[in-house]
Each structure stands twice: as structure tokens, then as C-alpha cells.
Amino acid sequence: MILITHVAFAFISIVFVSYTAFSPSKIKLRITYFLTLGTILSGLIMLFIHPAHLGQACVSGVLYLGFMIIISMIARRRLAIIKQSVR
């Protein structure tokens, strides 16, 4: 059950952060952060249940976090540009 939740959080967060990068808003960024946190927490729970997969989990987690951070930064910059152009 936790694996399904983890995969769902990860997939939805990747799709949603991509959508947020194209159409940024403060609410969408917060939802992205919540989904990312859910993915990380469910991954940590699975890691405690099956600690033998530590190496694979770390590599996957770093790649996932790197992607999420980079795309979130792009979305934040685009949002800042949009807010500046409105003023």
C-alpha cells in the first residue's frame, strides 16, 4: 500500500511541477511542495521497512529531488517575472 502511495505521489508531483513551470502561481508551488514532501516521507517509510535498498533509494531520491528543485526554481522565477510585469 505504501509503495502505491509513494509512486502516486511521485508521478503526480512530477506532472504537477511541470504544469506549474508553464503556468506558475503561489498555490501551485505550495501544492508542489506538499506533493514532494509526501513523496519523500513515503520513501523514508519504505526505507525503514526495507533498509537493504538504501543505495538505490538514495540515488533515486537525489535525482527526484534535483528535478523537483530545478523545475520549482524555474516556476518561482517565472512567477516573479509575471508579478513584476503586472506592476
PDB file of N, CA and C in Angstrom:
ATOM      1  N   MET A   1       0.823  -1.201   0.000  1.00  0.00           N
ATOM      2  CA  MET A   1       0.000   0.000   0.000  1.00  0.00           C
ATOM      3  C   MET A   1       0.862   1.258   0.000  1.00  0.00           C
ATOM      4  N   ILE A   2       1.930   1.239   0.791  1.00  0.00           N
ATOM      5  CA  ILE A   2       2.792   2.421   0.855  1.00  0.00           C
ATOM      6  C   ILE A   2       3.514   2.633  -0.469  1.00  0.00           C
ATOM      7  N   LEU A   3       3.845   1.539  -1.167  1.00  0.00           N
ATOM      8  CA  LEU A   3       4.509   1.660  -2.468  1.00  0.00           C
ATOM      9  C   LEU A   3       3.599   2.347  -3.477  1.00  0.00           C
ATOM     10  N   ILE A   4       2.331   1.982  -3.489  1.00  0.00           N
ATOM     11  CA  ILE A   4       1.365   2.610  -4.399  1.00  0.00           C
ATOM     12  C   ILE A   4       1.237   4.092  -4.086  1.00  0.00           C
ATOM     13  N   THR A   5       1.158   4.426  -2.811  1.00  0.00           N
ATOM     14  CA  THR A   5       1.075   5.827  -2.393  1.00  0.00           C
ATOM     15  C   THR A   5       2.329   6.583  -2.822  1.00  0.00           C
ATOM     16  N   HIS A   6       3.481   5.980  -2.611  1.00  0.00           N
ATOM     17  CA  HIS A   6       4.750   6.612  -2.969  1.00  0.00           C
ATOM     18  C   HIS A   6       4.837   6.878  -4.475  1.00  0.00           C
ATOM     19  N   VAL A   7       4.517   5.894  -5.271  1.00  0.00           N
ATOM     20  CA  VAL A   7       4.569   6.050  -6.723  1.00  0.00           C
ATOM     21  C   VAL A   7       3.551   7.083  -7.187  1.00  0.00           C
ATOM     22  N   ALA A   8       2.368   7.067  -6.599  1.00  0.00           N
ATOM     23  CA  ALA A   8       1.342   8.047  -6.966  1.00  0.00           C
ATOM     24  C   ALA A   8       1.806   9.464  -6.636  1.00  0.00           C
ATOM     25  N   PHE A   9       2.331   9.668  -5.426  1.00  0.00           N
ATOM     26  CA  PHE A   9       2.848  10.993  -5.055  1.00  0.00           C
ATOM     27  C   PHE A   9       3.940  11.432  -6.024  1.00  0.00           C
ATOM     28  N   ALA A  10       4.865  10.533  -6.345  1.00  0.00           N
ATOM     29  CA  ALA A  10       5.983  10.881  -7.221  1.00  0.00           C
ATOM     30  C   ALA A  10       5.488  11.241  -8.620  1.00  0.00           C
ATOM     31  N   PHE A  11       4.640  10.418  -9.186  1.00  0.00           N
ATOM     32  CA  PHE A  11       4.141  10.672 -10.542  1.00  0.00           C
ATOM     33  C   PHE A  11       3.342  11.965 -10.605  1.00  0.00           C
ATOM     34  N   ILE A  12       2.414  12.131  -9.663  1.00  0.00           N
ATOM     35  CA  ILE A  12       1.582  13.337  -9.648  1.00  0.00           C
ATOM     36  C   ILE A  12       2.439  14.576  -9.437  1.00  0.00           C
ATOM     37  N   SER A  13       3.438  14.490  -8.554  1.00  0.00           N
ATOM     38  CA  SER A  13       4.269  15.667  -8.292  1.00  0.00           C
ATOM     39  C   SER A  13       5.100  16.047  -9.511  1.00  0.00           C
ATOM     40  N   ILE A  14       5.605  15.074 -10.242  1.00  0.00           N
ATOM     41  CA  ILE A  14       6.383  15.379 -11.445  1.00  0.00           C
ATOM     42  C   ILE A  14       5.501  16.022 -12.510  1.00  0.00           C
ATOM     43  N   VAL A  15       4.323  15.482 -12.709  1.00  0.00           N
ATOM     44  CA  VAL A  15       3.399  16.060 -13.686  1.00  0.00           C
ATOM     45  C   VAL A  15       2.983  17.462 -13.242  1.00  0.00           C
ATOM     46  N   PHE A  16       2.663  17.615 -11.961  1.00  0.00           N
ATOM     47  CA  PHE A  16       2.171  18.898 -11.466  1.00  0.00           C
ATOM     48  C   PHE A  16       3.256  19.973 -11.486  1.00  0.00           C
ATOM     49  N   VAL A  17       4.500  19.622 -11.138  1.00  0.00           N
ATOM     50  CA  VAL A  17       5.564  20.636 -11.168  1.00  0.00           C
ATOM     51  C   VAL A  17       5.841  21.060 -12.603  1.00  0.00           C
ATOM     52  N   SER A  18       5.701  20.158 -13.547  1.00  0.00           N
ATOM     53  CA  SER A  18       5.869  20.522 -14.960  1.00  0.00           C
ATOM     54  C   SER A  18       4.770  21.490 -15.385  1.00  0.00           C
ATOM     55  N   TYR A  19       3.553  21.221 -14.981  1.00  0.00           N
ATOM     56  CA  TYR A  19       2.430  22.118 -15.261  1.00  0.00           C
ATOM     57  C   TYR A  19       2.653  23.469 -14.587  1.00  0.00           C
ATOM     58  N   THR A  20       3.143  23.453 -13.363  1.00  0.00           N
ATOM     59  CA  THR A  20       3.386  24.688 -12.614  1.00  0.00           C
ATOM     60  C   THR A  20       4.468  25.527 -13.285  1.00  0.00           C
ATOM     61  N   ALA A  21       5.457  24.905 -13.884  1.00  0.00           N
ATOM     62  CA  ALA A  21       6.516  25.651 -14.571  1.00  0.00           C
ATOM     63  C   ALA A  21       5.959  26.434 -15.760  1.00  0.00           C
ATOM     64  N   PHE A  22       4.947  25.894 -16.418  1.00  0.00           N
ATOM     65  CA  PHE A  22       4.353  26.582 -17.558  1.00  0.00           C
ATOM     66  C   PHE A  22       3.316  27.616 -17.154  1.00  0.00           C
ATOM     67  N   SER A  23       2.650  27.382 -16.037  1.00  0.00           N
ATOM     68  CA  SER A  23       1.614  28.299 -15.560  1.00  0.00           C
ATOM     69  C   SER A  23       1.761  28.471 -14.051  1.00  0.00           C
ATOM     70  N   PRO A  24       2.764  29.250 -13.615  1.00  0.00           N
ATOM     71  CA  PRO A  24       3.080  29.323 -12.185  1.00  0.00           C
ATOM     72  C   PRO A  24       2.087  30.160 -11.377  1.00  0.00           C
ATOM     73  N   SER A  25       1.884  29.735 -10.144  1.00  0.00           N
ATOM     74  CA  SER A  25       1.144  30.511  -9.158  1.00  0.00           C
ATOM     75  C   SER A  25       1.628  30.083  -7.778  1.00  0.00           C
ATOM     76  N   LYS A  26       1.342  30.918  -6.805  1.00  0.00           N
ATOM     77  CA  LYS A  26       1.796  30.626  -5.449  1.00  0.00           C
ATOM     78  C   LYS A  26       1.141  29.353  -4.914  1.00  0.00           C
ATOM     79  N   ILE A  27      -0.122  29.181  -5.183  1.00  0.00           N
ATOM     80  CA  ILE A  27      -0.862  27.996  -4.722  1.00  0.00           C
ATOM     81  C   ILE A  27      -0.295  26.726  -5.374  1.00  0.00           C
ATOM     82  N   LYS A  28      -0.027  26.792  -6.664  1.00  0.00           N
ATOM     83  CA  LYS A  28       0.518  25.624  -7.361  1.00  0.00           C
ATOM     84  C   LYS A  28       1.886  25.247  -6.818  1.00  0.00           C
ATOM     85  N   LEU A  29       2.698  26.246  -6.486  1.00  0.00           N
ATOM     86  CA  LEU A  29       4.005  25.949  -5.897  1.00  0.00           C
ATOM     87  C   LEU A  29       3.848  25.278  -4.541  1.00  0.00           C
ATOM     88  N   ARG A  30       2.907  25.732  -3.744  1.00  0.00           N
ATOM     89  CA  ARG A  30       2.679  25.104  -2.434  1.00  0.00           C
ATOM     90  C   ARG A  30       2.189  23.671  -2.590  1.00  0.00           C
ATOM     91  N   ILE A  31       1.328  23.430  -3.555  1.00  0.00           N
ATOM     92  CA  ILE A  31       0.860  22.063  -3.812  1.00  0.00           C
ATOM     93  C   ILE A  31       2.038  21.191  -4.239  1.00  0.00           C
ATOM     94  N   THR A  32       2.910  21.746  -5.068  1.00  0.00           N
ATOM     95  CA  THR A  32       4.105  21.015  -5.497  1.00  0.00           C
ATOM     96  C   THR A  32       4.977  20.650  -4.299  1.00  0.00           C
ATOM     97  N   TYR A  33       5.165  21.596  -3.381  1.00  0.00           N
ATOM     98  CA  TYR A  33       5.969  21.321  -2.187  1.00  0.00           C
ATOM     99  C   TYR A  33       5.322  20.233  -1.334  1.00  0.00           C
ATOM    100  N   PHE A  34       3.998  20.270  -1.203  1.00  0.00           N
ATOM    101  CA  PHE A  34       3.284  19.252  -0.432  1.00  0.00           C
ATOM    102  C   PHE A  34       3.449  17.875  -1.064  1.00  0.00           C
ATOM    103  N   LEU A  35       3.303  17.799  -2.379  1.00  0.00           N
ATOM    104  CA  LEU A  35       3.451  16.516  -3.076  1.00  0.00           C
ATOM    105  C   LEU A  35       4.879  15.986  -2.960  1.00  0.00           C
ATOM    106  N   THR A  36       5.852  16.880  -3.047  1.00  0.00           N
ATOM    107  CA  THR A  36       7.253  16.472  -2.898  1.00  0.00           C
ATOM    108  C   THR A  36       7.510  15.955  -1.496  1.00  0.00           C
ATOM    109  N   LEU A  37       6.984  16.642  -0.504  1.00  0.00           N
ATOM    110  CA  LEU A  37       7.130  16.196   0.887  1.00  0.00           C
ATOM    111  C   LEU A  37       6.479  14.827   1.084  1.00  0.00           C
ATOM    112  N   GLY A  38       5.301  14.627   0.497  1.00  0.00           N
ATOM    113  CA  GLY A  38       4.640  13.330   0.588  1.00  0.00           C
ATOM    114  C   GLY A  38       5.466  12.215  -0.032  1.00  0.00           C
ATOM    115  N   THR A  39       6.098  12.514  -1.156  1.00  0.00           N
ATOM    116  CA  THR A  39       6.955  11.522  -1.806  1.00  0.00           C
ATOM    117  C   THR A  39       8.160  11.190  -0.936  1.00  0.00           C
ATOM    118  N   ILE A  40       8.789  12.214  -0.378  1.00  0.00           N
ATOM    119  CA  ILE A  40       9.965  11.991   0.468  1.00  0.00           C
ATOM    120  C   ILE A  40       9.591  11.205   1.724  1.00  0.00           C
ATOM    121  N   LEU A  41       8.496  11.579   2.360  1.00  0.00           N
ATOM    122  CA  LEU A  41       8.092  10.876   3.590  1.00  0.00           C
ATOM    123  C   LEU A  41       7.720   9.418   3.312  1.00  0.00           C
ATOM    124  N   SER A  42       6.987   9.181   2.243  1.00  0.00           N
ATOM    125  CA  SER A  42       6.632   7.787   1.933  1.00  0.00           C
ATOM    126  C   SER A  42       7.884   6.992   1.548  1.00  0.00           C
ATOM    127  N   GLY A  43       8.843   7.633   0.898  1.00  0.00           N
ATOM    128  CA  GLY A  43      10.104   6.965   0.580  1.00  0.00           C
ATOM    129  C   GLY A  43      10.892   6.623   1.836  1.00  0.00           C
ATOM    130  N   LEU A  44      10.898   7.530   2.796  1.00  0.00           N
ATOM    131  CA  LEU A  44      11.580   7.255   4.064  1.00  0.00           C
ATOM    132  C   LEU A  44      10.917   6.107   4.821  1.00  0.00           C
ATOM    133  N   ILE A  45       9.604   6.072   4.797  1.00  0.00           N
ATOM    134  CA  ILE A  45       8.887   4.971   5.453  1.00  0.00           C
ATOM    135  C   ILE A  45       9.262   3.645   4.804  1.00  0.00           C
ATOM    136  N   MET A  46       9.280   3.623   3.468  1.00  0.00           N
ATOM    137  CA  MET A  46       9.656   2.384   2.781  1.00  0.00           C
ATOM    138  C   MET A  46      11.106   2.021   3.063  1.00  0.00           C
ATOM    139  N   LEU A  47      11.967   3.009   3.212  1.00  0.00           N
ATOM    140  CA  LEU A  47      13.374   2.752   3.501  1.00  0.00           C
ATOM    141  C   LEU A  47      13.531   2.121   4.882  1.00  0.00           C
ATOM    142  N   PHE A  48      12.734   2.563   5.854  1.00  0.00           N
ATOM    143  CA  PHE A  48      12.792   1.955   7.178  1.00  0.00           C
ATOM    144  C   PHE A  48      12.222   0.537   7.182  1.00  0.00           C
ATOM    145  N   ILE A  49      11.252   0.289   6.314  1.00  0.00           N
ATOM    146  CA  ILE A  49      10.679  -1.051   6.220  1.00  0.00           C
ATOM    147  C   ILE A  49      11.644  -2.011   5.528  1.00  0.00           C
ATOM    148  N   HIS A  50      12.306  -1.536   4.464  1.00  0.00           N
ATOM    149  CA  HIS A  50      13.247  -2.355   3.682  1.00  0.00           C
ATOM    150  C   HIS A  50      14.588  -1.642   3.576  1.00  0.00           C
ATOM    151  N   PRO A  51      15.395  -1.646   4.636  1.00  0.00           N
ATOM    152  CA  PRO A  51      16.658  -0.885   4.619  1.00  0.00           C
ATOM    153  C   PRO A  51      17.710  -1.436   3.657  1.00  0.00           C
ATOM    154  N   ALA A  52      17.526  -2.608   3.113  1.00  0.00           N
ATOM    155  CA  ALA A  52      18.517  -3.184   2.203  1.00  0.00           C
ATOM    156  C   ALA A  52      18.608  -2.415   0.892  1.00  0.00           C
ATOM    157  N   HIS A  53      17.592  -1.625   0.563  1.00  0.00           N
ATOM    158  CA  HIS A  53      17.552  -0.887  -0.695  1.00  0.00           C
ATOM    159  C   HIS A  53      18.043   0.549  -0.535  1.00  0.00           C
ATOM    160  N   LEU A  54      18.915   0.793   0.440  1.00  0.00           N
ATOM    161  CA  LEU A  54      19.373   2.144   0.748  1.00  0.00           C
ATOM    162  C   LEU A  54      20.074   2.804  -0.430  1.00  0.00           C
ATOM    163  N   GLY A  55      20.997   2.129  -1.073  1.00  0.00           N
ATOM    164  CA  GLY A  55      21.744   2.716  -2.183  1.00  0.00           C
ATOM    165  C   GLY A  55      20.860   3.136  -3.328  1.00  0.00           C
ATOM    166  N   GLN A  56      19.973   2.258  -3.725  1.00  0.00           N
ATOM    167  CA  GLN A  56      19.059   2.559  -4.826  1.00  0.00           C
ATOM    168  C   GLN A  56      18.114   3.689  -4.440  1.00  0.00           C
ATOM    169  N   ALA A  57      17.639   3.683  -3.200  1.00  0.00           N
ATOM    170  CA  ALA A  57      16.730   4.725  -2.740  1.00  0.00           C
ATOM    171  C   ALA A  57      17.421   6.080  -2.724  1.00  0.00           C
ATOM    172  N   CYS A  58      18.673   6.121  -2.310  1.00  0.00           N
ATOM    173  CA  CYS A  58      19.403   7.382  -2.255  1.00  0.00           C
ATOM    174  C   CYS A  58      19.624   7.962  -3.647  1.00  0.00           C
ATOM    175  N   VAL A  59      20.021   7.145  -4.588  1.00  0.00           N
ATOM    176  CA  VAL A  59      20.248   7.628  -5.948  1.00  0.00           C
ATOM    177  C   VAL A  59      18.946   8.132  -6.553  1.00  0.00           C
ATOM    178  N   SER A  60      17.895   7.349  -6.431  1.00  0.00           N
ATOM    179  CA  SER A  60      16.600   7.752  -6.975  1.00  0.00           C
ATOM    180  C   SER A  60      16.089   9.015  -6.295  1.00  0.00           C
ATOM    181  N   GLY A  61      16.241   9.070  -4.984  1.00  0.00           N
ATOM    182  CA  GLY A  61      15.772  10.233  -4.226  1.00  0.00           C
ATOM    183  C   GLY A  61      16.513  11.501  -4.590  1.00  0.00           C
ATOM    184  N   VAL A  62      17.820  11.406  -4.791  1.00  0.00           N
ATOM    185  CA  VAL A  62      18.611  12.579  -5.167  1.00  0.00           C
ATOM    186  C   VAL A  62      18.220  13.055  -6.568  1.00  0.00           C
ATOM    187  N   LEU A  63      18.032  12.140  -7.492  1.00  0.00           N
ATOM    188  CA  LEU A  63      17.607  12.514  -8.843  1.00  0.00           C
ATOM    189  C   LEU A  63      16.217  13.160  -8.818  1.00  0.00           C
ATOM    190  N   TYR A  64      15.305  12.566  -8.074  1.00  0.00           N
ATOM    191  CA  TYR A  64      13.950  13.110  -7.958  1.00  0.00           C
ATOM    192  C   TYR A  64      13.987  14.506  -7.343  1.00  0.00           C
ATOM    193  N   LEU A  65      14.692  14.650  -6.227  1.00  0.00           N
ATOM    194  CA  LEU A  65      14.773  15.958  -5.567  1.00  0.00           C
ATOM    195  C   LEU A  65      15.446  16.992  -6.453  1.00  0.00           C
ATOM    196  N   GLY A  66      16.495  16.599  -7.146  1.00  0.00           N
ATOM    197  CA  GLY A  66      17.158  17.525  -8.057  1.00  0.00           C
ATOM    198  C   GLY A  66      16.211  18.038  -9.131  1.00  0.00           C
ATOM    199  N   PHE A  67      15.452  17.129  -9.730  1.00  0.00           N
ATOM    200  CA  PHE A  67      14.481  17.517 -10.751  1.00  0.00           C
ATOM    201  C   PHE A  67      13.436  18.454 -10.172  1.00  0.00           C
ATOM    202  N   MET A  68      12.892  18.097  -9.015  1.00  0.00           N
ATOM    203  CA  MET A  68      11.842  18.904  -8.405  1.00  0.00           C
ATOM    204  C   MET A  68      12.356  20.295  -8.020  1.00  0.00           C
ATOM    205  N   ILE A  69      13.558  20.367  -7.493  1.00  0.00           N
ATOM    206  CA  ILE A  69      14.118  21.652  -7.096  1.00  0.00           C
ATOM    207  C   ILE A  69      14.361  22.539  -8.313  1.00  0.00           C
ATOM    208  N   ILE A  70      14.946  21.983  -9.356  1.00  0.00           N
ATOM    209  CA  ILE A  70      15.244  22.772 -10.556  1.00  0.00           C
ATOM    210  C   ILE A  70      13.964  23.304 -11.197  1.00  0.00           C
ATOM    211  N   ILE A  71      12.975  22.442 -11.369  1.00  0.00           N
ATOM    212  CA  ILE A  71      11.730  22.880 -12.006  1.00  0.00           C
ATOM    213  C   ILE A  71      10.974  23.845 -11.103  1.00  0.00           C
ATOM    214  N   SER A  72      11.008  23.650  -9.793  1.00  0.00           N
ATOM    215  CA  SER A  72      10.364  24.593  -8.871  1.00  0.00           C
ATOM    216  C   SER A  72      11.039  25.961  -8.928  1.00  0.00           C
ATOM    217  N   MET A  73      12.361  25.978  -9.048  1.00  0.00           N
ATOM    218  CA  MET A  73      13.075  27.248  -9.170  1.00  0.00           C
ATOM    219  C   MET A  73      12.681  27.971 -10.462  1.00  0.00           C
ATOM    220  N   ILE A  74      12.550  27.225 -11.527  1.00  0.00           N
ATOM    221  CA  ILE A  74      12.108  27.824 -12.792  1.00  0.00           C
ATOM    222  C   ILE A  74      10.717  28.417 -12.628  1.00  0.00           C
ATOM    223  N   ALA A  75       9.825  27.686 -11.983  1.00  0.00           N
ATOM    224  CA  ALA A  75       8.461  28.173 -11.773  1.00  0.00           C
ATOM    225  C   ALA A  75       8.465  29.431 -10.901  1.00  0.00           C
ATOM    226  N   ARG A  76       9.281  29.438  -9.829  1.00  0.00           N
ATOM    227  CA  ARG A  76       9.355  30.628  -8.972  1.00  0.00           C
ATOM    228  C   ARG A  76       9.876  31.840  -9.733  1.00  0.00           C
ATOM    229  N   ARG A  77      10.878  31.650 -10.563  1.00  0.00           N
ATOM    230  CA  ARG A  77      11.407  32.769 -11.361  1.00  0.00           C
ATOM    231  C   ARG A  77      10.369  33.279 -12.349  1.00  0.00           C
ATOM    232  N   ARG A  78       9.677  32.370 -12.992  1.00  0.00           N
ATOM    233  CA  ARG A  78       8.629  32.785 -13.933  1.00  0.00           C
ATOM    234  C   ARG A  78       7.517  33.532 -13.218  1.00  0.00           C
ATOM    235  N   LEU A  79       7.162  33.075 -12.011  1.00  0.00           N
ATOM    236  CA  LEU A  79       6.141  33.764 -11.234  1.00  0.00           C
ATOM    237  C   LEU A  79       6.593  35.163 -10.859  1.00  0.00           C
ATOM    238  N   ALA A  80       7.860  35.322 -10.475  1.00  0.00           N
ATOM    239  CA  ALA A  80       8.406  36.633 -10.132  1.00  0.00           C
ATOM    240  C   ALA A  80       8.372  37.573 -11.348  1.00  0.00           C
ATOM    241  N   ILE A  81       8.717  37.035 -12.505  1.00  0.00           N
ATOM    242  CA  ILE A  81       8.682  37.848 -13.730  1.00  0.00           C
ATOM    243  C   ILE A  81       7.264  38.286 -14.044  1.00  0.00           C
ATOM    244  N   ILE A  82       6.320  37.373 -13.885  1.00  0.00           N
ATOM    245  CA  ILE A  82       4.913  37.699 -14.136  1.00  0.00           C
ATOM    246  C   ILE A  82       4.438  38.779 -13.173  1.00  0.00           C
ATOM    247  N   LYS A  83       4.788  38.657 -11.905  1.00  0.00           N
ATOM    248  CA  LYS A  83       4.365  39.648 -10.912  1.00  0.00           C
ATOM    249  C   LYS A  83       4.984  41.013 -11.192  1.00  0.00           C
ATOM    250  N   GLN A  84       6.236  41.050 -11.636  1.00  0.00           N
ATOM    251  CA  GLN A  84       6.891  42.311 -11.949  1.00  0.00           C
ATOM    252  C   GLN A  84       6.262  42.978 -13.169  1.00  0.00           C
ATOM    253  N   SER A  85       5.877  42.193 -14.150  1.00  0.00           N
ATOM    254  CA  SER A  85       5.285  42.769 -15.359  1.00  0.00           C
ATOM    255  C   SER A  85       3.870  43.286 -15.105  1.00  0.00           C
ATOM    256  N   VAL A  86       3.199  42.760 -14.092  1.00  0.00           N
ATOM    257  CA  VAL A  86       1.845  43.221 -13.767  1.00  0.00           C
ATOM    258  C   VAL A  86       1.897  44.597 -13.101  1.00  0.00           C
ATOM    259  N   ARG A  87       2.938  44.852 -12.356  1.00  0.00           N
ATOM    260  CA  ARG A  87       3.038  46.142 -11.637  1.00  0.00           C
ATOM    261  C   ARG A  87       3.288  47.226 -12.582  1.00  0.00           C
TER     262      ARG A  87
END
